[in-house]
Amino acid sequence: MTESPIQHTQMTLATTRTHEMVKFYDTLFGTALQAREVYGTTLYRGSLAGIPLIICPNEIAGIQAEQSRHQLAFRVVDLSYLLQNVESAGGIIETQATDSLTRAILRDPDGNTLEVIQA
C-alpha cells in the first residue's frame, strides 16, 4: 500500500459549552488540554489520539450549529472502563449496556455523538 501524501495535522472542535467539553475530553481521552489566550478569548490545546487538538468557542470559529457539528470514532482497549467515566465527565451514554458490548455511542457535553469501539 502506498503511503498517502495527506496527513491529519490538527483537529479543532468548535463548542458551545467549552469548559464542559474540556473536562469531557480530558477525563475520557487524556487530551491534557491547556488554556491559551488568543483572539480575545480562551482556546484549549492538547492532543487526541496523537493529533493536535484545539477546543474553541463557536463565536471564534463562526459556527452556527448547536450540535452534531462533528462525529468522532475511537478504538479503545477497555470500553467498560471508559463507559464508567462518561457521566462523571459530563457526557451521556446512548448505547444500552450488554455483557458483550464492544461498541458504544456517546454524546459529549455539546451533544455531538462519538462512536467508541473496543479493540
C-alpha atoms as a PDB file:
ATOM      1  CA  MET A   1       0.000   0.000   0.000  1.00  0.00           C
ATOM      2  CA  THR A   2       1.333   3.417  -0.948  1.00  0.00           C
ATOM      3  CA  GLU A   3       1.641   5.977   1.844  1.00  0.00           C
ATOM      4  CA  SER A   4      -0.867   8.778   1.477  1.00  0.00           C
ATOM      5  CA  PRO A   5       0.509  12.224   0.659  1.00  0.00           C
ATOM      6  CA  ILE A   6      -2.106  13.637   3.048  1.00  0.00           C
ATOM      7  CA  GLN A   7      -1.570  13.793   6.802  1.00  0.00           C
ATOM      8  CA  HIS A   8      -4.034  14.766   9.511  1.00  0.00           C
ATOM      9  CA  THR A   9      -2.135  17.502  11.348  1.00  0.00           C
ATOM     10  CA  GLN A  10      -4.723  19.132  13.634  1.00  0.00           C
ATOM     11  CA  MET A  11      -8.335  18.916  14.750  1.00  0.00           C
ATOM     12  CA  THR A  12     -10.413  21.854  16.004  1.00  0.00           C
ATOM     13  CA  LEU A  13     -13.707  21.376  17.835  1.00  0.00           C
ATOM     14  CA  ALA A  14     -15.945  24.453  17.985  1.00  0.00           C
ATOM     15  CA  THR A  15     -18.019  24.347  21.165  1.00  0.00           C
ATOM     16  CA  THR A  16     -20.955  25.976  22.886  1.00  0.00           C
ATOM     17  CA  ARG A  17     -20.055  24.537  26.312  1.00  0.00           C
ATOM     18  CA  THR A  18     -16.293  24.967  26.204  1.00  0.00           C
ATOM     19  CA  HIS A  19     -15.409  24.264  29.865  1.00  0.00           C
ATOM     20  CA  GLU A  20     -17.606  21.146  29.939  1.00  0.00           C
ATOM     21  CA  MET A  21     -16.060  19.938  26.674  1.00  0.00           C
ATOM     22  CA  VAL A  22     -12.546  20.407  28.070  1.00  0.00           C
ATOM     23  CA  LYS A  23     -13.463  18.314  31.129  1.00  0.00           C
ATOM     24  CA  PHE A  24     -15.082  15.603  28.970  1.00  0.00           C
ATOM     25  CA  TYR A  25     -12.172  15.150  26.552  1.00  0.00           C
ATOM     26  CA  ASP A  26      -9.524  15.470  29.297  1.00  0.00           C
ATOM     27  CA  THR A  27     -11.277  12.915  31.517  1.00  0.00           C
ATOM     28  CA  LEU A  28     -12.135  10.285  28.901  1.00  0.00           C
ATOM     29  CA  PHE A  29      -9.330  10.666  26.386  1.00  0.00           C
ATOM     30  CA  GLY A  30      -6.427  12.224  28.334  1.00  0.00           C
ATOM     31  CA  THR A  31      -6.120  15.198  25.988  1.00  0.00           C
ATOM     32  CA  ALA A  32      -4.183  17.322  28.528  1.00  0.00           C
ATOM     33  CA  LEU A  33      -5.833  20.492  27.215  1.00  0.00           C
ATOM     34  CA  GLN A  34      -4.108  23.711  28.260  1.00  0.00           C
ATOM     35  CA  ALA A  35      -5.712  27.167  28.156  1.00  0.00           C
ATOM     36  CA  ARG A  36      -4.241  29.746  25.769  1.00  0.00           C
ATOM     37  CA  GLU A  37      -5.410  33.340  25.443  1.00  0.00           C
ATOM     38  CA  VAL A  38      -5.816  34.043  21.716  1.00  0.00           C
ATOM     39  CA  TYR A  39      -8.012  36.411  19.683  1.00  0.00           C
ATOM     40  CA  GLY A  40      -9.501  37.912  22.854  1.00  0.00           C
ATOM     41  CA  THR A  41     -10.787  34.561  24.143  1.00  0.00           C
ATOM     42  CA  THR A  42      -9.529  31.307  25.606  1.00  0.00           C
ATOM     43  CA  LEU A  43      -8.680  28.344  23.381  1.00  0.00           C
ATOM     44  CA  TYR A  44      -7.580  24.965  24.695  1.00  0.00           C
ATOM     45  CA  ARG A  45      -4.766  23.000  23.090  1.00  0.00           C
ATOM     46  CA  GLY A  46      -3.849  19.391  23.661  1.00  0.00           C
ATOM     47  CA  SER A  47      -3.627  16.102  21.798  1.00  0.00           C
ATOM     48  CA  LEU A  48      -6.255  13.483  20.927  1.00  0.00           C
ATOM     49  CA  ALA A  49      -5.114  10.095  19.629  1.00  0.00           C
ATOM     50  CA  GLY A  50      -1.770  11.625  18.677  1.00  0.00           C
ATOM     51  CA  ILE A  51      -3.345  14.506  16.735  1.00  0.00           C
ATOM     52  CA  PRO A  52      -3.037  18.095  17.985  1.00  0.00           C
ATOM     53  CA  LEU A  53      -6.455  19.223  19.263  1.00  0.00           C
ATOM     54  CA  ILE A  54      -7.893  22.701  19.741  1.00  0.00           C
ATOM     55  CA  ILE A  55     -11.171  23.379  21.514  1.00  0.00           C
ATOM     56  CA  CYS A  56     -12.530  26.848  20.842  1.00  0.00           C
ATOM     57  CA  PRO A  57     -15.805  28.724  21.361  1.00  0.00           C
ATOM     58  CA  ASN A  58     -18.285  28.717  18.447  1.00  0.00           C
ATOM     59  CA  GLU A  59     -18.029  32.504  18.195  1.00  0.00           C
ATOM     60  CA  ILE A  60     -14.378  32.335  17.134  1.00  0.00           C
ATOM     61  CA  ALA A  61     -14.996  29.547  14.626  1.00  0.00           C
ATOM     62  CA  GLY A  62     -18.121  31.235  13.226  1.00  0.00           C
ATOM     63  CA  ILE A  63     -20.177  28.056  13.627  1.00  0.00           C
ATOM     64  CA  GLN A  64     -23.984  28.334  13.805  1.00  0.00           C
ATOM     65  CA  ALA A  65     -24.942  24.680  14.503  1.00  0.00           C
ATOM     66  CA  GLU A  66     -25.944  23.795  18.060  1.00  0.00           C
ATOM     67  CA  GLN A  67     -24.980  20.100  18.000  1.00  0.00           C
ATOM     68  CA  SER A  68     -23.664  17.300  15.793  1.00  0.00           C
ATOM     69  CA  ARG A  69     -21.097  19.529  14.135  1.00  0.00           C
ATOM     70  CA  HIS A  70     -18.794  16.527  14.085  1.00  0.00           C
ATOM     71  CA  GLN A  71     -18.801  12.810  14.859  1.00  0.00           C
ATOM     72  CA  LEU A  72     -15.606  11.196  16.031  1.00  0.00           C
ATOM     73  CA  ALA A  73     -14.836   7.488  16.206  1.00  0.00           C
ATOM     74  CA  PHE A  74     -12.267   5.927  18.534  1.00  0.00           C
ATOM     75  CA  ARG A  75     -10.878   2.477  19.260  1.00  0.00           C
ATOM     76  CA  VAL A  76     -10.081   1.808  22.923  1.00  0.00           C
ATOM     77  CA  VAL A  77      -8.599  -1.130  24.807  1.00  0.00           C
ATOM     78  CA  ASP A  78     -11.172  -1.182  27.654  1.00  0.00           C
ATOM     79  CA  LEU A  79     -14.623   0.084  26.687  1.00  0.00           C
ATOM     80  CA  SER A  80     -16.245  -0.810  30.001  1.00  0.00           C
ATOM     81  CA  TYR A  81     -13.709   1.319  31.907  1.00  0.00           C
ATOM     82  CA  LEU A  82     -14.323   4.274  29.597  1.00  0.00           C
ATOM     83  CA  LEU A  83     -18.111   3.901  29.959  1.00  0.00           C
ATOM     84  CA  GLN A  84     -17.804   4.007  33.772  1.00  0.00           C
ATOM     85  CA  ASN A  85     -16.410   7.534  33.457  1.00  0.00           C
ATOM     86  CA  VAL A  86     -18.658   9.075  30.800  1.00  0.00           C
ATOM     87  CA  GLU A  87     -21.317  10.584  33.073  1.00  0.00           C
ATOM     88  CA  SER A  88     -18.842  11.975  35.629  1.00  0.00           C
ATOM     89  CA  ALA A  89     -17.014  13.590  32.693  1.00  0.00           C
ATOM     90  CA  GLY A  90     -20.241  15.332  31.647  1.00  0.00           C
ATOM     91  CA  GLY A  91     -21.248  13.049  28.781  1.00  0.00           C
ATOM     92  CA  ILE A  92     -24.164  10.739  28.045  1.00  0.00           C
ATOM     93  CA  ILE A  93     -24.156   7.075  27.023  1.00  0.00           C
ATOM     94  CA  GLU A  94     -26.613   6.498  24.162  1.00  0.00           C
ATOM     95  CA  THR A  95     -25.991   2.736  23.851  1.00  0.00           C
ATOM     96  CA  GLN A  96     -27.684   0.278  26.186  1.00  0.00           C
ATOM     97  CA  ALA A  97     -25.051  -1.746  28.044  1.00  0.00           C
ATOM     98  CA  THR A  98     -24.819  -5.506  27.461  1.00  0.00           C
ATOM     99  CA  ASP A  99     -22.327  -8.114  28.647  1.00  0.00           C
ATOM    100  CA  SER A 100     -20.922  -8.434  25.121  1.00  0.00           C
ATOM    101  CA  LEU A 101     -20.753  -4.706  24.409  1.00  0.00           C
ATOM    102  CA  THR A 102     -17.901  -3.910  22.031  1.00  0.00           C
ATOM    103  CA  ARG A 103     -19.253  -0.647  20.584  1.00  0.00           C
ATOM    104  CA  ALA A 104     -20.954   2.363  22.169  1.00  0.00           C
ATOM    105  CA  ILE A 105     -22.357   5.697  21.087  1.00  0.00           C
ATOM    106  CA  LEU A 106     -21.709   8.605  23.467  1.00  0.00           C
ATOM    107  CA  ARG A 107     -22.710  12.273  23.471  1.00  0.00           C
ATOM    108  CA  ASP A 108     -20.260  14.924  24.581  1.00  0.00           C
ATOM    109  CA  PRO A 109     -21.453  17.988  26.565  1.00  0.00           C
ATOM    110  CA  ASP A 110     -22.252  19.848  23.319  1.00  0.00           C
ATOM    111  CA  GLY A 111     -24.487  16.983  22.131  1.00  0.00           C
ATOM    112  CA  ASN A 112     -22.136  15.623  19.449  1.00  0.00           C
ATOM    113  CA  THR A 113     -22.030  11.866  19.053  1.00  0.00           C
ATOM    114  CA  LEU A 114     -18.903   9.752  19.401  1.00  0.00           C
ATOM    115  CA  GLU A 115     -18.562   6.121  18.404  1.00  0.00           C
ATOM    116  CA  VAL A 116     -16.242   4.077  20.626  1.00  0.00           C
ATOM    117  CA  ILE A 117     -15.172   0.567  19.669  1.00  0.00           C
ATOM    118  CA  GLN A 118     -13.276  -1.857  21.871  1.00  0.00           C
ATOM    119  CA  ALA A 119     -10.101  -3.159  20.236  1.00  0.00           C
END
